[in-house]
Amino acid sequence: MNMDSHQLAPIEDDKVFESMIRDILKVRLTNRDGVQLNGTRGQRQYSIDVFGRDSINMDWVGAQCKVSGIGKNYC
């Protein structure tokens, strides 16, 4: 299936967006229990919102998520 033809509805809530990225990383890294959100708004996060380890090669992976306006989320 070609994913270029699919589009998600805009996500306005940053917590919902971070949770979606966390869930995607869980599948991508095949590590359901080892991917987590990093702190909460206002806490020192060193620009990492979601992190975990790849279950195959044990590399650390981190993501920074931004909601910059409706339909302009990026990670």
C-alpha atoms as a PDB file:
ATOM      1  CA  MET A   1       0.000   0.000   0.000  1.00  0.00           C
ATOM      2  CA  ASN A   2       1.331   3.423  -0.924  1.00  0.00           C
ATOM      3  CA  MET A   3       1.001   5.735   2.101  1.00  0.00           C
ATOM      4  CA  ASP A   4       1.528   8.868  -0.024  1.00  0.00           C
ATOM      5  CA  SER A   5      -2.174   8.877  -0.837  1.00  0.00           C
ATOM      6  CA  HIS A   6      -3.283   8.842   2.827  1.00  0.00           C
ATOM      7  CA  GLN A   7      -3.632  11.854   5.061  1.00  0.00           C
ATOM      8  CA  LEU A   8      -4.504  12.071   8.757  1.00  0.00           C
ATOM      9  CA  ALA A   9      -6.893  14.672  10.068  1.00  0.00           C
ATOM     10  CA  PRO A  10      -5.091  17.607  11.736  1.00  0.00           C
ATOM     11  CA  ILE A  11      -4.205  16.994  15.392  1.00  0.00           C
ATOM     12  CA  GLU A  12      -4.566  20.089  17.535  1.00  0.00           C
ATOM     13  CA  ASP A  13      -3.626  18.621  20.925  1.00  0.00           C
ATOM     14  CA  ASP A  14       0.139  18.219  21.445  1.00  0.00           C
ATOM     15  CA  LYS A  15      -0.346  15.355  23.933  1.00  0.00           C
ATOM     16  CA  VAL A  16      -2.426  13.397  21.413  1.00  0.00           C
ATOM     17  CA  PHE A  17       0.275  13.976  18.778  1.00  0.00           C
ATOM     18  CA  GLU A  18       3.071  12.839  21.142  1.00  0.00           C
ATOM     19  CA  SER A  19       1.077   9.719  22.056  1.00  0.00           C
ATOM     20  CA  MET A  20       0.604   8.904  18.373  1.00  0.00           C
ATOM     21  CA  ILE A  21       4.355   9.246  17.756  1.00  0.00           C
ATOM     22  CA  ARG A  22       5.027   7.040  20.807  1.00  0.00           C
ATOM     23  CA  ASP A  23       2.704   4.363  19.426  1.00  0.00           C
ATOM     24  CA  ILE A  24       4.350   4.539  15.986  1.00  0.00           C
ATOM     25  CA  LEU A  25       7.809   4.142  17.552  1.00  0.00           C
ATOM     26  CA  LYS A  26       6.606   1.146  19.567  1.00  0.00           C
ATOM     27  CA  VAL A  27       5.727  -0.621  16.327  1.00  0.00           C
ATOM     28  CA  ARG A  28       8.738   0.636  14.360  1.00  0.00           C
ATOM     29  CA  LEU A  29      11.230  -0.367  17.058  1.00  0.00           C
ATOM     30  CA  THR A  30       9.335  -3.603  17.874  1.00  0.00           C
ATOM     31  CA  ASN A  31       9.594  -2.615  21.518  1.00  0.00           C
ATOM     32  CA  ARG A  32       6.111  -2.246  22.989  1.00  0.00           C
ATOM     33  CA  ASP A  33       7.234  -1.735  26.589  1.00  0.00           C
ATOM     34  CA  GLY A  34      10.418   0.248  26.043  1.00  0.00           C
ATOM     35  CA  VAL A  35       9.138   3.400  24.305  1.00  0.00           C
ATOM     36  CA  GLN A  36       7.860   6.209  26.488  1.00  0.00           C
ATOM     37  CA  LEU A  37       7.052   9.875  26.710  1.00  0.00           C
ATOM     38  CA  ASN A  38       9.785  11.999  28.280  1.00  0.00           C
ATOM     39  CA  GLY A  39       8.418  14.204  31.047  1.00  0.00           C
ATOM     40  CA  THR A  40       5.711  16.808  30.725  1.00  0.00           C
ATOM     41  CA  ARG A  41       5.448  20.398  29.604  1.00  0.00           C
ATOM     42  CA  GLY A  42       7.602  22.622  31.792  1.00  0.00           C
ATOM     43  CA  GLN A  43      10.021  19.872  32.745  1.00  0.00           C
ATOM     44  CA  ARG A  44      13.551  19.832  31.342  1.00  0.00           C
ATOM     45  CA  GLN A  45      13.430  17.374  28.435  1.00  0.00           C
ATOM     46  CA  TYR A  46      16.562  18.292  26.449  1.00  0.00           C
ATOM     47  CA  SER A  47      14.372  18.508  23.314  1.00  0.00           C
ATOM     48  CA  ILE A  48      13.310  14.852  23.495  1.00  0.00           C
ATOM     49  CA  ASP A  49       9.569  14.167  23.787  1.00  0.00           C
ATOM     50  CA  VAL A  50       9.510  10.431  23.045  1.00  0.00           C
ATOM     51  CA  PHE A  51      12.331   7.907  23.394  1.00  0.00           C
ATOM     52  CA  GLY A  52      13.054   4.208  23.413  1.00  0.00           C
ATOM     53  CA  ARG A  53      15.428   1.458  22.336  1.00  0.00           C
ATOM     54  CA  ASP A  54      15.350  -0.595  19.178  1.00  0.00           C
ATOM     55  CA  SER A  55      14.742  -4.175  20.309  1.00  0.00           C
ATOM     56  CA  ILE A  56      17.028  -5.622  17.607  1.00  0.00           C
ATOM     57  CA  ASN A  57      20.227  -3.563  17.831  1.00  0.00           C
ATOM     58  CA  MET A  58      19.485  -1.771  21.146  1.00  0.00           C
ATOM     59  CA  ASP A  59      20.172   1.690  19.641  1.00  0.00           C
ATOM     60  CA  TRP A  60      18.508   4.610  21.435  1.00  0.00           C
ATOM     61  CA  VAL A  61      15.969   6.544  19.388  1.00  0.00           C
ATOM     62  CA  GLY A  62      14.441   9.890  20.344  1.00  0.00           C
ATOM     63  CA  ALA A  63      11.873  12.182  18.780  1.00  0.00           C
ATOM     64  CA  GLN A  64      10.994  15.808  19.294  1.00  0.00           C
ATOM     65  CA  CYS A  65       7.364  16.639  18.487  1.00  0.00           C
ATOM     66  CA  LYS A  66       6.022  20.069  17.608  1.00  0.00           C
ATOM     67  CA  VAL A  67       2.529  21.367  17.056  1.00  0.00           C
ATOM     68  CA  SER A  68       3.014  24.601  15.177  1.00  0.00           C
ATOM     69  CA  GLY A  69      -0.568  25.117  14.043  1.00  0.00           C
ATOM     70  CA  ILE A  70      -3.496  23.115  12.788  1.00  0.00           C
ATOM     71  CA  GLY A  71      -2.243  20.657  10.215  1.00  0.00           C
ATOM     72  CA  LYS A  72       1.411  21.599  10.811  1.00  0.00           C
ATOM     73  CA  ASN A  73       2.553  18.945  13.281  1.00  0.00           C
ATOM     74  CA  TYR A  74       5.981  17.499  12.768  1.00  0.00           C
ATOM     75  CA  CYS A  75       8.407  15.275  14.544  1.00  0.00           C
END
